């Protein structure tokens, strides 16, 4: 079986030839990006953290470990679990790039998802 890559990129970065399938994993549409110019294949809102969790976290790196634990709990719930399973299917098919508007991608939901997808292979 071929091992496919899973990577994280900002939506504001230029797409790369090795991105494969590009999926936006934010619940809110990124500022300043037109939908027809987004260079994504899908927008998977259901895999994003809840609004409550996102607001609590506020992208404060010191809260990241706790955010990740709470987010993983959310991903075990119905709609999020279905969306995560869809990402797993995509990752088996081709290279997968999780796209986010977050400035600090290492402390984002996309980083958590990428880790989950890489570990589940």
PDB file of N, CA and C in Angstrom:
ATOM      1  N   UNK A   1       0.845  -1.181   0.000  1.00  0.00           N
ATOM      2  CA  UNK A   1       0.000   0.000   0.000  1.00  0.00           C
ATOM      3  C   UNK A   1       0.891   1.245   0.000  1.00  0.00           C
ATOM      4  N   UNK A   2       0.555   2.207  -0.813  1.00  0.00           N
ATOM      5  CA  UNK A   2       1.302   3.452  -0.898  1.00  0.00           C
ATOM      6  C   UNK A   2       0.959   4.339   0.293  1.00  0.00           C
ATOM      7  N   UNK A   3       1.974   4.890   0.906  1.00  0.00           N
ATOM      8  CA  UNK A   3       1.752   5.791   2.027  1.00  0.00           C
ATOM      9  C   UNK A   3       1.529   7.205   1.480  1.00  0.00           C
ATOM     10  N   UNK A   4       0.391   7.759   1.779  1.00  0.00           N
ATOM     11  CA  UNK A   4       0.040   9.099   1.310  1.00  0.00           C
ATOM     12  C   UNK A   4       0.426  10.137   2.357  1.00  0.00           C
ATOM     13  N   UNK A   5       0.733  11.323   1.913  1.00  0.00           N
ATOM     14  CA  UNK A   5       1.102  12.380   2.838  1.00  0.00           C
ATOM     15  C   UNK A   5      -0.122  13.136   3.329  1.00  0.00           C
ATOM     16  N   UNK A   6      -0.025  13.621   4.547  1.00  0.00           N
ATOM     17  CA  UNK A   6      -1.022  14.523   5.113  1.00  0.00           C
ATOM     18  C   UNK A   6      -0.239  15.727   5.608  1.00  0.00           C
ATOM     19  N   UNK A   7      -0.592  16.891   5.099  1.00  0.00           N
ATOM     20  CA  UNK A   7       0.117  18.104   5.502  1.00  0.00           C
ATOM     21  C   UNK A   7      -0.875  19.220   5.802  1.00  0.00           C
ATOM     22  N   UNK A   8      -0.371  20.267   6.414  1.00  0.00           N
ATOM     23  CA  UNK A   8      -1.185  21.423   6.792  1.00  0.00           C
ATOM     24  C   UNK A   8      -0.605  22.659   6.125  1.00  0.00           C
ATOM     25  N   UNK A   9      -1.502  23.470   5.554  1.00  0.00           N
ATOM     26  CA  UNK A   9      -1.075  24.727   4.924  1.00  0.00           C
ATOM     27  C   UNK A   9      -2.105  25.801   5.229  1.00  0.00           C
ATOM     28  N   UNK A  10      -1.654  27.026   5.172  1.00  0.00           N
ATOM     29  CA  UNK A  10      -2.586  28.155   5.317  1.00  0.00           C
ATOM     30  C   UNK A  10      -3.279  28.412   3.986  1.00  0.00           C
ATOM     31  N   UNK A  11      -4.515  28.826   4.047  1.00  0.00           N
ATOM     32  CA  UNK A  11      -5.264  29.113   2.825  1.00  0.00           C
ATOM     33  C   UNK A  11      -4.672  30.313   2.096  1.00  0.00           C
ATOM     34  N   UNK A  12      -3.937  31.146   2.800  1.00  0.00           N
ATOM     35  CA  UNK A  12      -3.341  32.337   2.194  1.00  0.00           C
ATOM     36  C   UNK A  12      -2.041  32.024   1.455  1.00  0.00           C
ATOM     37  N   UNK A  13      -1.506  30.806   1.638  1.00  0.00           N
ATOM     38  CA  UNK A  13      -0.300  30.385   0.928  1.00  0.00           C
ATOM     39  C   UNK A  13      -0.671  29.918  -0.480  1.00  0.00           C
ATOM     40  N   UNK A  14       0.253  30.063  -1.397  1.00  0.00           N
ATOM     41  CA  UNK A  14       0.039  29.574  -2.756  1.00  0.00           C
ATOM     42  C   UNK A  14      -0.085  28.049  -2.736  1.00  0.00           C
ATOM     43  N   UNK A  15      -1.044  27.502  -3.468  1.00  0.00           N
ATOM     44  CA  UNK A  15      -1.139  26.039  -3.566  1.00  0.00           C
ATOM     45  C   UNK A  15       0.130  25.470  -4.196  1.00  0.00           C
ATOM     46  N   UNK A  16       0.431  24.239  -3.840  1.00  0.00           N
ATOM     47  CA  UNK A  16       1.619  23.567  -4.341  1.00  0.00           C
ATOM     48  C   UNK A  16       1.197  22.361  -5.181  1.00  0.00           C
ATOM     49  N   UNK A  17       2.027  21.980  -6.120  1.00  0.00           N
ATOM     50  CA  UNK A  17       1.714  20.836  -6.984  1.00  0.00           C
ATOM     51  C   UNK A  17       1.593  19.537  -6.192  1.00  0.00           C
ATOM     52  N   UNK A  18       2.228  19.454  -5.029  1.00  0.00           N
ATOM     53  CA  UNK A  18       2.170  18.220  -4.235  1.00  0.00           C
ATOM     54  C   UNK A  18       1.091  18.251  -3.151  1.00  0.00           C
ATOM     55  N   UNK A  19       0.188  19.225  -3.198  1.00  0.00           N
ATOM     56  CA  UNK A  19      -0.878  19.319  -2.193  1.00  0.00           C
ATOM     57  C   UNK A  19      -1.888  18.176  -2.272  1.00  0.00           C
ATOM     58  N   UNK A  20      -2.104  17.635  -3.436  1.00  0.00           N
ATOM     59  CA  UNK A  20      -3.137  16.608  -3.569  1.00  0.00           C
ATOM     60  C   UNK A  20      -4.516  17.213  -3.349  1.00  0.00           C
ATOM     61  N   UNK A  21      -5.327  16.541  -2.554  1.00  0.00           N
ATOM     62  CA  UNK A  21      -6.678  17.020  -2.244  1.00  0.00           C
ATOM     63  C   UNK A  21      -6.570  18.080  -1.156  1.00  0.00           C
ATOM     64  N   UNK A  22      -7.142  19.245  -1.407  1.00  0.00           N
ATOM     65  CA  UNK A  22      -7.088  20.360  -0.454  1.00  0.00           C
ATOM     66  C   UNK A  22      -8.451  20.537   0.205  1.00  0.00           C
ATOM     67  N   UNK A  23      -8.465  20.409   1.539  1.00  0.00           N
ATOM     68  CA  UNK A  23      -9.719  20.494   2.287  1.00  0.00           C
ATOM     69  C   UNK A  23      -9.608  21.575   3.353  1.00  0.00           C
ATOM     70  N   UNK A  24     -10.513  22.541   3.295  1.00  0.00           N
ATOM     71  CA  UNK A  24     -10.594  23.576   4.317  1.00  0.00           C
ATOM     72  C   UNK A  24     -11.252  22.967   5.552  1.00  0.00           C
ATOM     73  N   UNK A  25     -10.584  23.075   6.705  1.00  0.00           N
ATOM     74  CA  UNK A  25     -11.071  22.450   7.932  1.00  0.00           C
ATOM     75  C   UNK A  25     -11.444  23.482   8.990  1.00  0.00           C
ATOM     76  N   UNK A  26     -11.798  24.682   8.579  1.00  0.00           N
ATOM     77  CA  UNK A  26     -12.255  25.747   9.473  1.00  0.00           C
ATOM     78  C   UNK A  26     -13.780  25.805   9.448  1.00  0.00           C
ATOM     79  N   UNK A  27     -14.384  26.167  10.569  1.00  0.00           N
ATOM     80  CA  UNK A  27     -15.843  26.314  10.630  1.00  0.00           C
ATOM     81  C   UNK A  27     -16.285  27.631   9.987  1.00  0.00           C
ATOM     82  N   UNK A  28     -15.437  28.646  10.078  1.00  0.00           N
ATOM     83  CA  UNK A  28     -15.755  29.975   9.553  1.00  0.00           C
ATOM     84  C   UNK A  28     -14.951  30.201   8.272  1.00  0.00           C
ATOM     85  N   UNK A  29     -15.599  30.778   7.262  1.00  0.00           N
ATOM     86  CA  UNK A  29     -14.907  31.053   6.008  1.00  0.00           C
ATOM     87  C   UNK A  29     -13.789  32.078   6.245  1.00  0.00           C
ATOM     88  N   UNK A  30     -12.611  31.862   5.668  1.00  0.00           N
ATOM     89  CA  UNK A  30     -11.463  32.767   5.877  1.00  0.00           C
ATOM     90  C   UNK A  30     -11.698  34.170   5.307  1.00  0.00           C
ATOM     91  N   UNK A  31     -11.260  35.146   6.059  1.00  0.00           N
ATOM     92  CA  UNK A  31     -11.400  36.545   5.626  1.00  0.00           C
ATOM     93  C   UNK A  31     -10.550  36.817   4.397  1.00  0.00           C
ATOM     94  N   UNK A  32     -11.107  37.603   3.502  1.00  0.00           N
ATOM     95  CA  UNK A  32     -10.346  38.075   2.354  1.00  0.00           C
ATOM     96  C   UNK A  32     -10.165  37.056   1.241  1.00  0.00           C
ATOM     97  N   UNK A  33     -10.809  35.910   1.341  1.00  0.00           N
ATOM     98  CA  UNK A  33     -10.694  34.875   0.303  1.00  0.00           C
ATOM     99  C   UNK A  33     -12.055  34.695  -0.363  1.00  0.00           C
ATOM    100  N   UNK A  34     -12.080  34.883  -1.665  1.00  0.00           N
ATOM    101  CA  UNK A  34     -13.318  34.632  -2.408  1.00  0.00           C
ATOM    102  C   UNK A  34     -13.481  33.124  -2.589  1.00  0.00           C
ATOM    103  N   UNK A  35     -14.692  32.647  -2.484  1.00  0.00           N
ATOM    104  CA  UNK A  35     -14.931  31.198  -2.607  1.00  0.00           C
ATOM    105  C   UNK A  35     -14.480  30.666  -3.958  1.00  0.00           C
ATOM    106  N   UNK A  36     -14.635  31.453  -5.011  1.00  0.00           N
ATOM    107  CA  UNK A  36     -14.240  30.975  -6.337  1.00  0.00           C
ATOM    108  C   UNK A  36     -12.726  31.027  -6.556  1.00  0.00           C
ATOM    109  N   UNK A  37     -11.995  31.608  -5.597  1.00  0.00           N
ATOM    110  CA  UNK A  37     -10.532  31.704  -5.721  1.00  0.00           C
ATOM    111  C   UNK A  37      -9.806  30.963  -4.593  1.00  0.00           C
ATOM    112  N   UNK A  38     -10.523  30.132  -3.859  1.00  0.00           N
ATOM    113  CA  UNK A  38      -9.963  29.525  -2.644  1.00  0.00           C
ATOM    114  C   UNK A  38      -8.992  28.377  -2.900  1.00  0.00           C
ATOM    115  N   UNK A  39      -9.005  27.781  -4.055  1.00  0.00           N
ATOM    116  CA  UNK A  39      -8.111  26.665  -4.383  1.00  0.00           C
ATOM    117  C   UNK A  39      -8.251  25.518  -3.388  1.00  0.00           C
ATOM    118  N   UNK A  40      -9.513  25.171  -3.091  1.00  0.00           N
ATOM    119  CA  UNK A  40      -9.783  24.010  -2.245  1.00  0.00           C
ATOM    120  C   UNK A  40     -10.712  23.074  -3.005  1.00  0.00           C
ATOM    121  N   UNK A  41     -10.645  21.800  -2.622  1.00  0.00           N
ATOM    122  CA  UNK A  41     -11.536  20.814  -3.222  1.00  0.00           C
ATOM    123  C   UNK A  41     -12.819  20.637  -2.414  1.00  0.00           C
ATOM    124  N   UNK A  42     -12.711  20.854  -1.101  1.00  0.00           N
ATOM    125  CA  UNK A  42     -13.869  20.728  -0.214  1.00  0.00           C
ATOM    126  C   UNK A  42     -13.726  21.680   0.960  1.00  0.00           C
ATOM    127  N   UNK A  43     -14.868  22.018   1.539  1.00  0.00           N
ATOM    128  CA  UNK A  43     -14.917  22.741   2.801  1.00  0.00           C
ATOM    129  C   UNK A  43     -15.662  21.835   3.763  1.00  0.00           C
ATOM    130  N   UNK A  44     -14.963  21.292   4.743  1.00  0.00           N
ATOM    131  CA  UNK A  44     -15.521  20.307   5.654  1.00  0.00           C
ATOM    132  C   UNK A  44     -15.711  20.941   7.037  1.00  0.00           C
ATOM    133  N   UNK A  45     -16.783  21.725   7.170  1.00  0.00           N
ATOM    134  CA  UNK A  45     -17.063  22.453   8.412  1.00  0.00           C
ATOM    135  C   UNK A  45     -17.270  21.522   9.600  1.00  0.00           C
ATOM    136  N   UNK A  46     -17.890  20.362   9.361  1.00  0.00           N
ATOM    137  CA  UNK A  46     -18.253  19.475  10.462  1.00  0.00           C
ATOM    138  C   UNK A  46     -17.059  18.889  11.200  1.00  0.00           C
ATOM    139  N   UNK A  47     -15.873  18.943  10.602  1.00  0.00           N
ATOM    140  CA  UNK A  47     -14.686  18.424  11.285  1.00  0.00           C
ATOM    141  C   UNK A  47     -14.003  19.496  12.133  1.00  0.00           C
ATOM    142  N   UNK A  48     -14.443  20.726  12.011  1.00  0.00           N
ATOM    143  CA  UNK A  48     -13.850  21.840  12.755  1.00  0.00           C
ATOM    144  C   UNK A  48     -14.329  21.822  14.208  1.00  0.00           C
ATOM    145  N   UNK A  49     -13.566  22.434  15.097  1.00  0.00           N
ATOM    146  CA  UNK A  49     -14.017  22.536  16.494  1.00  0.00           C
ATOM    147  C   UNK A  49     -15.305  23.343  16.591  1.00  0.00           C
ATOM    148  N   UNK A  50     -16.079  23.066  17.622  1.00  0.00           N
ATOM    149  CA  UNK A  50     -17.305  23.830  17.849  1.00  0.00           C
ATOM    150  C   UNK A  50     -16.959  25.304  18.063  1.00  0.00           C
ATOM    151  N   UNK A  51     -17.924  26.144  17.851  1.00  0.00           N
ATOM    152  CA  UNK A  51     -17.732  27.580  18.074  1.00  0.00           C
ATOM    153  C   UNK A  51     -17.335  27.841  19.525  1.00  0.00           C
ATOM    154  N   UNK A  52     -17.973  27.132  20.455  1.00  0.00           N
ATOM    155  CA  UNK A  52     -17.663  27.318  21.869  1.00  0.00           C
ATOM    156  C   UNK A  52     -16.197  26.968  22.170  1.00  0.00           C
ATOM    157  N   UNK A  53     -15.740  25.832  21.648  1.00  0.00           N
ATOM    158  CA  UNK A  53     -14.363  25.416  21.885  1.00  0.00           C
ATOM    159  C   UNK A  53     -13.381  26.383  21.222  1.00  0.00           C
ATOM    160  N   UNK A  54     -13.687  26.777  20.001  1.00  0.00           N
ATOM    161  CA  UNK A  54     -12.816  27.701  19.272  1.00  0.00           C
ATOM    162  C   UNK A  54     -12.667  29.026  20.019  1.00  0.00           C
ATOM    163  N   UNK A  55     -13.788  29.545  20.526  1.00  0.00           N
ATOM    164  CA  UNK A  55     -13.738  30.815  21.264  1.00  0.00           C
ATOM    165  C   UNK A  55     -13.007  30.656  22.586  1.00  0.00           C
ATOM    166  N   UNK A  56     -13.218  29.540  23.288  1.00  0.00           N
ATOM    167  CA  UNK A  56     -12.503  29.293  24.547  1.00  0.00           C
ATOM    168  C   UNK A  56     -10.996  29.261  24.309  1.00  0.00           C
ATOM    169  N   UNK A  57     -10.586  28.545  23.271  1.00  0.00           N
ATOM    170  CA  UNK A  57      -9.161  28.380  22.974  1.00  0.00           C
ATOM    171  C   UNK A  57      -8.521  29.706  22.582  1.00  0.00           C
ATOM    172  N   UNK A  58      -9.130  30.432  21.669  1.00  0.00           N
ATOM    173  CA  UNK A  58      -8.612  31.734  21.243  1.00  0.00           C
ATOM    174  C   UNK A  58      -7.207  31.687  20.685  1.00  0.00           C
ATOM    175  N   UNK A  59      -6.749  30.519  20.261  1.00  0.00           N
ATOM    176  CA  UNK A  59      -5.408  30.314  19.695  1.00  0.00           C
ATOM    177  C   UNK A  59      -4.297  30.745  20.650  1.00  0.00           C
ATOM    178  N   UNK A  60      -4.524  30.499  21.943  1.00  0.00           N
ATOM    179  CA  UNK A  60      -3.509  30.758  22.968  1.00  0.00           C
ATOM    180  C   UNK A  60      -2.673  29.483  23.103  1.00  0.00           C
ATOM    181  N   UNK A  61      -1.410  29.513  22.676  1.00  0.00           N
ATOM    182  CA  UNK A  61      -0.592  28.296  22.661  1.00  0.00           C
ATOM    183  C   UNK A  61      -0.523  27.564  24.004  1.00  0.00           C
ATOM    184  N   UNK A  62      -0.588  28.306  25.107  1.00  0.00           N
ATOM    185  CA  UNK A  62      -0.529  27.668  26.423  1.00  0.00           C
ATOM    186  C   UNK A  62      -1.750  26.786  26.690  1.00  0.00           C
ATOM    187  N   UNK A  63      -2.831  26.998  25.974  1.00  0.00           N
ATOM    188  CA  UNK A  63      -4.049  26.195  26.132  1.00  0.00           C
ATOM    189  C   UNK A  63      -4.109  25.032  25.140  1.00  0.00           C
ATOM    190  N   UNK A  64      -3.085  24.892  24.303  1.00  0.00           N
ATOM    191  CA  UNK A  64      -3.178  23.936  23.195  1.00  0.00           C
ATOM    192  C   UNK A  64      -3.383  22.492  23.645  1.00  0.00           C
ATOM    193  N   UNK A  65      -2.672  22.026  24.647  1.00  0.00           N
ATOM    194  CA  UNK A  65      -2.820  20.634  25.096  1.00  0.00           C
ATOM    195  C   UNK A  65      -4.255  20.366  25.551  1.00  0.00           C
ATOM    196  N   UNK A  66      -4.814  21.297  26.293  1.00  0.00           N
ATOM    197  CA  UNK A  66      -6.198  21.145  26.753  1.00  0.00           C
ATOM    198  C   UNK A  66      -7.172  21.261  25.577  1.00  0.00           C
ATOM    199  N   UNK A  67      -6.886  22.178  24.652  1.00  0.00           N
ATOM    200  CA  UNK A  67      -7.706  22.307  23.443  1.00  0.00           C
ATOM    201  C   UNK A  67      -7.705  20.990  22.672  1.00  0.00           C
ATOM    202  N   UNK A  68      -6.519  20.411  22.486  1.00  0.00           N
ATOM    203  CA  UNK A  68      -6.426  19.169  21.717  1.00  0.00           C
ATOM    204  C   UNK A  68      -7.252  18.061  22.358  1.00  0.00           C
ATOM    205  N   UNK A  69      -7.179  17.929  23.667  1.00  0.00           N
ATOM    206  CA  UNK A  69      -7.955  16.900  24.366  1.00  0.00           C
ATOM    207  C   UNK A  69      -9.455  17.125  24.181  1.00  0.00           C
ATOM    208  N   UNK A  70      -9.899  18.357  24.342  1.00  0.00           N
ATOM    209  CA  UNK A  70     -11.332  18.667  24.171  1.00  0.00           C
ATOM    210  C   UNK A  70     -11.768  18.469  22.717  1.00  0.00           C
ATOM    211  N   UNK A  71     -10.910  18.849  21.803  1.00  0.00           N
ATOM    212  CA  UNK A  71     -11.224  18.700  20.378  1.00  0.00           C
ATOM    213  C   UNK A  71     -11.337  17.226  19.993  1.00  0.00           C
ATOM    214  N   UNK A  72     -10.425  16.414  20.496  1.00  0.00           N
ATOM    215  CA  UNK A  72     -10.504  14.971  20.220  1.00  0.00           C
ATOM    216  C   UNK A  72     -11.802  14.390  20.752  1.00  0.00           C
ATOM    217  N   UNK A  73     -12.268  14.881  21.901  1.00  0.00           N
ATOM    218  CA  UNK A  73     -13.564  14.446  22.431  1.00  0.00           C
ATOM    219  C   UNK A  73     -14.688  14.828  21.467  1.00  0.00           C
ATOM    220  N   UNK A  74     -14.624  16.052  20.949  1.00  0.00           N
ATOM    221  CA  UNK A  74     -15.640  16.484  19.981  1.00  0.00           C
ATOM    222  C   UNK A  74     -15.609  15.625  18.723  1.00  0.00           C
ATOM    223  N   UNK A  75     -14.418  15.239  18.290  1.00  0.00           N
ATOM    224  CA  UNK A  75     -14.289  14.443  17.064  1.00  0.00           C
ATOM    225  C   UNK A  75     -14.878  13.048  17.208  1.00  0.00           C
ATOM    226  N   UNK A  76     -15.141  12.620  18.415  1.00  0.00           N
ATOM    227  CA  UNK A  76     -15.753  11.314  18.641  1.00  0.00           C
ATOM    228  C   UNK A  76     -17.274  11.358  18.486  1.00  0.00           C
ATOM    229  N   UNK A  77     -17.825  12.548  18.370  1.00  0.00           N
ATOM    230  CA  UNK A  77     -19.280  12.696  18.230  1.00  0.00           C
ATOM    231  C   UNK A  77     -19.705  12.533  16.774  1.00  0.00           C
ATOM    232  N   UNK A  78     -20.959  12.263  16.561  1.00  0.00           N
ATOM    233  CA  UNK A  78     -21.524  11.818  15.291  1.00  0.00           C
ATOM    234  C   UNK A  78     -21.087  12.584  14.042  1.00  0.00           C
ATOM    235  N   UNK A  79     -21.466  13.862  13.921  1.00  0.00           N
ATOM    236  CA  UNK A  79     -21.158  14.615  12.698  1.00  0.00           C
ATOM    237  C   UNK A  79     -19.652  14.771  12.496  1.00  0.00           C
ATOM    238  N   UNK A  80     -18.950  15.061  13.569  1.00  0.00           N
ATOM    239  CA  UNK A  80     -17.503  15.233  13.474  1.00  0.00           C
ATOM    240  C   UNK A  80     -16.828  13.904  13.143  1.00  0.00           C
ATOM    241  N   UNK A  81     -17.300  12.820  13.734  1.00  0.00           N
ATOM    242  CA  UNK A  81     -16.720  11.505  13.458  1.00  0.00           C
ATOM    243  C   UNK A  81     -16.914  11.128  11.990  1.00  0.00           C
ATOM    244  N   UNK A  82     -18.083  11.408  11.459  1.00  0.00           N
ATOM    245  CA  UNK A  82     -18.352  11.138  10.051  1.00  0.00           C
ATOM    246  C   UNK A  82     -17.420  11.956   9.156  1.00  0.00           C
ATOM    247  N   UNK A  83     -17.230  13.218   9.495  1.00  0.00           N
ATOM    248  CA  UNK A  83     -16.332  14.089   8.718  1.00  0.00           C
ATOM    249  C   UNK A  83     -14.887  13.598   8.817  1.00  0.00           C
ATOM    250  N   UNK A  84     -14.467  13.177  10.004  1.00  0.00           N
ATOM    251  CA  UNK A  84     -13.109  12.656  10.183  1.00  0.00           C
ATOM    252  C   UNK A  84     -12.916  11.376   9.374  1.00  0.00           C
ATOM    253  N   UNK A  85     -13.919  10.519   9.354  1.00  0.00           N
ATOM    254  CA  UNK A  85     -13.849   9.300   8.538  1.00  0.00           C
ATOM    255  C   UNK A  85     -13.717   9.648   7.056  1.00  0.00           C
ATOM    256  N   UNK A  86     -14.406  10.703   6.634  1.00  0.00           N
ATOM    257  CA  UNK A  86     -14.296  11.160   5.241  1.00  0.00           C
ATOM    258  C   UNK A  86     -12.853  11.597   4.945  1.00  0.00           C
ATOM    259  N   UNK A  87     -12.243  12.331   5.871  1.00  0.00           N
ATOM    260  CA  UNK A  87     -10.841  12.733   5.682  1.00  0.00           C
ATOM    261  C   UNK A  87      -9.933  11.511   5.598  1.00  0.00           C
ATOM    262  N   UNK A  88     -10.200  10.504   6.412  1.00  0.00           N
ATOM    263  CA  UNK A  88      -9.397   9.273   6.358  1.00  0.00           C
ATOM    264  C   UNK A  88      -9.490   8.624   4.981  1.00  0.00           C
ATOM    265  N   UNK A  89     -10.686   8.612   4.429  1.00  0.00           N
ATOM    266  CA  UNK A  89     -10.885   8.048   3.092  1.00  0.00           C
ATOM    267  C   UNK A  89     -10.101   8.846   2.055  1.00  0.00           C
ATOM    268  N   UNK A  90     -10.167  10.158   2.132  1.00  0.00           N
ATOM    269  CA  UNK A  90      -9.424  11.005   1.199  1.00  0.00           C
ATOM    270  C   UNK A  90      -7.924  10.779   1.329  1.00  0.00           C
ATOM    271  N   UNK A  91      -7.442  10.638   2.570  1.00  0.00           N
ATOM    272  CA  UNK A  91      -6.010  10.455   2.807  1.00  0.00           C
ATOM    273  C   UNK A  91      -5.503   9.128   2.254  1.00  0.00           C
ATOM    274  N   UNK A  92      -6.367   8.147   2.156  1.00  0.00           N
ATOM    275  CA  UNK A  92      -5.976   6.859   1.576  1.00  0.00           C
ATOM    276  C   UNK A  92      -5.902   6.938   0.052  1.00  0.00           C
ATOM    277  N   UNK A  93      -6.661   7.859  -0.516  1.00  0.00           N
ATOM    278  CA  UNK A  93      -6.763   7.979  -1.971  1.00  0.00           C
ATOM    279  C   UNK A  93      -5.635   8.791  -2.597  1.00  0.00           C
ATOM    280  N   UNK A  94      -5.197   9.840  -1.892  1.00  0.00           N
ATOM    281  CA  UNK A  94      -4.236  10.773  -2.486  1.00  0.00           C
ATOM    282  C   UNK A  94      -3.541  11.540  -1.359  1.00  0.00           C
ATOM    283  N   UNK A  95      -2.554  12.338  -1.718  1.00  0.00           N
ATOM    284  CA  UNK A  95      -1.984  13.266  -0.741  1.00  0.00           C
ATOM    285  C   UNK A  95      -3.119  14.168  -0.278  1.00  0.00           C
ATOM    286  N   UNK A  96      -3.074  14.569   0.980  1.00  0.00           N
ATOM    287  CA  UNK A  96      -4.139  15.379   1.553  1.00  0.00           C
ATOM    288  C   UNK A  96      -3.521  16.593   2.227  1.00  0.00           C
ATOM    289  N   UNK A  97      -4.042  17.758   1.886  1.00  0.00           N
ATOM    290  CA  UNK A  97      -3.612  18.995   2.515  1.00  0.00           C
ATOM    291  C   UNK A  97      -4.792  19.586   3.268  1.00  0.00           C
ATOM    292  N   UNK A  98      -4.620  19.712   4.577  1.00  0.00           N
ATOM    293  CA  UNK A  98      -5.631  20.338   5.421  1.00  0.00           C
ATOM    294  C   UNK A  98      -5.343  21.825   5.420  1.00  0.00           C
ATOM    295  N   UNK A  99      -6.318  22.597   4.997  1.00  0.00           N
ATOM    296  CA  UNK A  99      -6.141  24.034   4.804  1.00  0.00           C
ATOM    297  C   UNK A  99      -6.866  24.782   5.916  1.00  0.00           C
ATOM    298  N   UNK A 100      -6.197  25.786   6.455  1.00  0.00           N
ATOM    299  CA  UNK A 100      -6.765  26.589   7.528  1.00  0.00           C
ATOM    300  C   UNK A 100      -6.340  28.048   7.374  1.00  0.00           C
ATOM    301  N   UNK A 101      -7.108  28.939   7.955  1.00  0.00           N
ATOM    302  CA  UNK A 101      -6.742  30.355   7.961  1.00  0.00           C
ATOM    303  C   UNK A 101      -5.884  30.708   9.171  1.00  0.00           C
ATOM    304  N   UNK A 102      -5.769  29.788  10.111  1.00  0.00           N
ATOM    305  CA  UNK A 102      -5.028  30.017  11.344  1.00  0.00           C
ATOM    306  C   UNK A 102      -3.587  30.437  11.063  1.00  0.00           C
ATOM    307  N   UNK A 103      -3.107  31.442  11.775  1.00  0.00           N
ATOM    308  CA  UNK A 103      -1.732  31.911  11.586  1.00  0.00           C
ATOM    309  C   UNK A 103      -0.720  30.900  12.124  1.00  0.00           C
ATOM    310  N   UNK A 104      -1.006  30.306  13.271  1.00  0.00           N
ATOM    311  CA  UNK A 104      -0.093  29.368  13.921  1.00  0.00           C
ATOM    312  C   UNK A 104      -0.594  27.949  13.649  1.00  0.00           C
ATOM    313  N   UNK A 105      -0.215  27.404  12.507  1.00  0.00           N
ATOM    314  CA  UNK A 105      -0.740  26.092  12.108  1.00  0.00           C
ATOM    315  C   UNK A 105      -0.293  24.976  13.048  1.00  0.00           C
ATOM    316  N   UNK A 106       0.828  25.130  13.731  1.00  0.00           N
ATOM    317  CA  UNK A 106       1.296  24.100  14.651  1.00  0.00           C
ATOM    318  C   UNK A 106       0.409  23.977  15.893  1.00  0.00           C
ATOM    319  N   UNK A 107      -0.349  25.016  16.188  1.00  0.00           N
ATOM    320  CA  UNK A 107      -1.258  25.014  17.337  1.00  0.00           C
ATOM    321  C   UNK A 107      -2.699  25.200  16.858  1.00  0.00           C
ATOM    322  N   UNK A 108      -3.067  24.440  15.844  1.00  0.00           N
ATOM    323  CA  UNK A 108      -4.395  24.575  15.246  1.00  0.00           C
ATOM    324  C   UNK A 108      -5.120  23.241  15.199  1.00  0.00           C
ATOM    325  N   UNK A 109      -6.401  23.301  14.905  1.00  0.00           N
ATOM    326  CA  UNK A 109      -7.173  22.071  14.728  1.00  0.00           C
ATOM    327  C   UNK A 109      -6.637  21.270  13.545  1.00  0.00           C
ATOM    328  N   UNK A 110      -6.117  21.946  12.540  1.00  0.00           N
ATOM    329  CA  UNK A 110      -5.567  21.244  11.378  1.00  0.00           C
ATOM    330  C   UNK A 110      -4.373  20.384  11.785  1.00  0.00           C
ATOM    331  N   UNK A 111      -3.548  20.874  12.704  1.00  0.00           N
ATOM    332  CA  UNK A 111      -2.407  20.083  13.188  1.00  0.00           C
ATOM    333  C   UNK A 111      -2.888  18.856  13.950  1.00  0.00           C
ATOM    334  N   UNK A 112      -3.932  19.019  14.750  1.00  0.00           N
ATOM    335  CA  UNK A 112      -4.504  17.885  15.490  1.00  0.00           C
ATOM    336  C   UNK A 112      -5.039  16.853  14.504  1.00  0.00           C
ATOM    337  N   UNK A 113      -5.781  17.320  13.514  1.00  0.00           N
ATOM    338  CA  UNK A 113      -6.334  16.408  12.509  1.00  0.00           C
ATOM    339  C   UNK A 113      -5.235  15.681  11.740  1.00  0.00           C
ATOM    340  N   UNK A 114      -4.206  16.410  11.341  1.00  0.00           N
ATOM    341  CA  UNK A 114      -3.105  15.790  10.588  1.00  0.00           C
ATOM    342  C   UNK A 114      -2.465  14.683  11.408  1.00  0.00           C
ATOM    343  N   UNK A 115      -2.246  14.943  12.684  1.00  0.00           N
ATOM    344  CA  UNK A 115      -1.659  13.928  13.570  1.00  0.00           C
ATOM    345  C   UNK A 115      -2.566  12.705  13.671  1.00  0.00           C
ATOM    346  N   UNK A 116      -3.854  12.933  13.849  1.00  0.00           N
ATOM    347  CA  UNK A 116      -4.814  11.828  13.927  1.00  0.00           C
ATOM    348  C   UNK A 116      -4.805  11.001  12.651  1.00  0.00           C
ATOM    349  N   UNK A 117      -4.789  11.679  11.519  1.00  0.00           N
ATOM    350  CA  UNK A 117      -4.811  10.972  10.244  1.00  0.00           C
ATOM    351  C   UNK A 117      -3.515  10.188  10.007  1.00  0.00           C
ATOM    352  N   UNK A 118      -2.395  10.761  10.376  1.00  0.00           N
ATOM    353  CA  UNK A 118      -1.114  10.067  10.212  1.00  0.00           C
ATOM    354  C   UNK A 118      -1.034   8.855  11.145  1.00  0.00           C
ATOM    355  N   UNK A 119      -1.535   9.008  12.360  1.00  0.00           N
ATOM    356  CA  UNK A 119      -1.469   7.922  13.347  1.00  0.00           C
ATOM    357  C   UNK A 119      -2.434   6.790  13.041  1.00  0.00           C
ATOM    358  N   UNK A 120      -3.478   7.061  12.281  1.00  0.00           N
ATOM    359  CA  UNK A 120      -4.499   6.046  12.038  1.00  0.00           C
ATOM    360  C   UNK A 120      -4.181   5.170  10.820  1.00  0.00           C
ATOM    361  N   UNK A 121      -3.010   5.379  10.240  1.00  0.00           N
ATOM    362  CA  UNK A 121      -2.671   4.574   9.057  1.00  0.00           C
ATOM    363  C   UNK A 121      -2.052   3.269   9.418  1.00  0.00           C
TER     364      UNK A 121
END
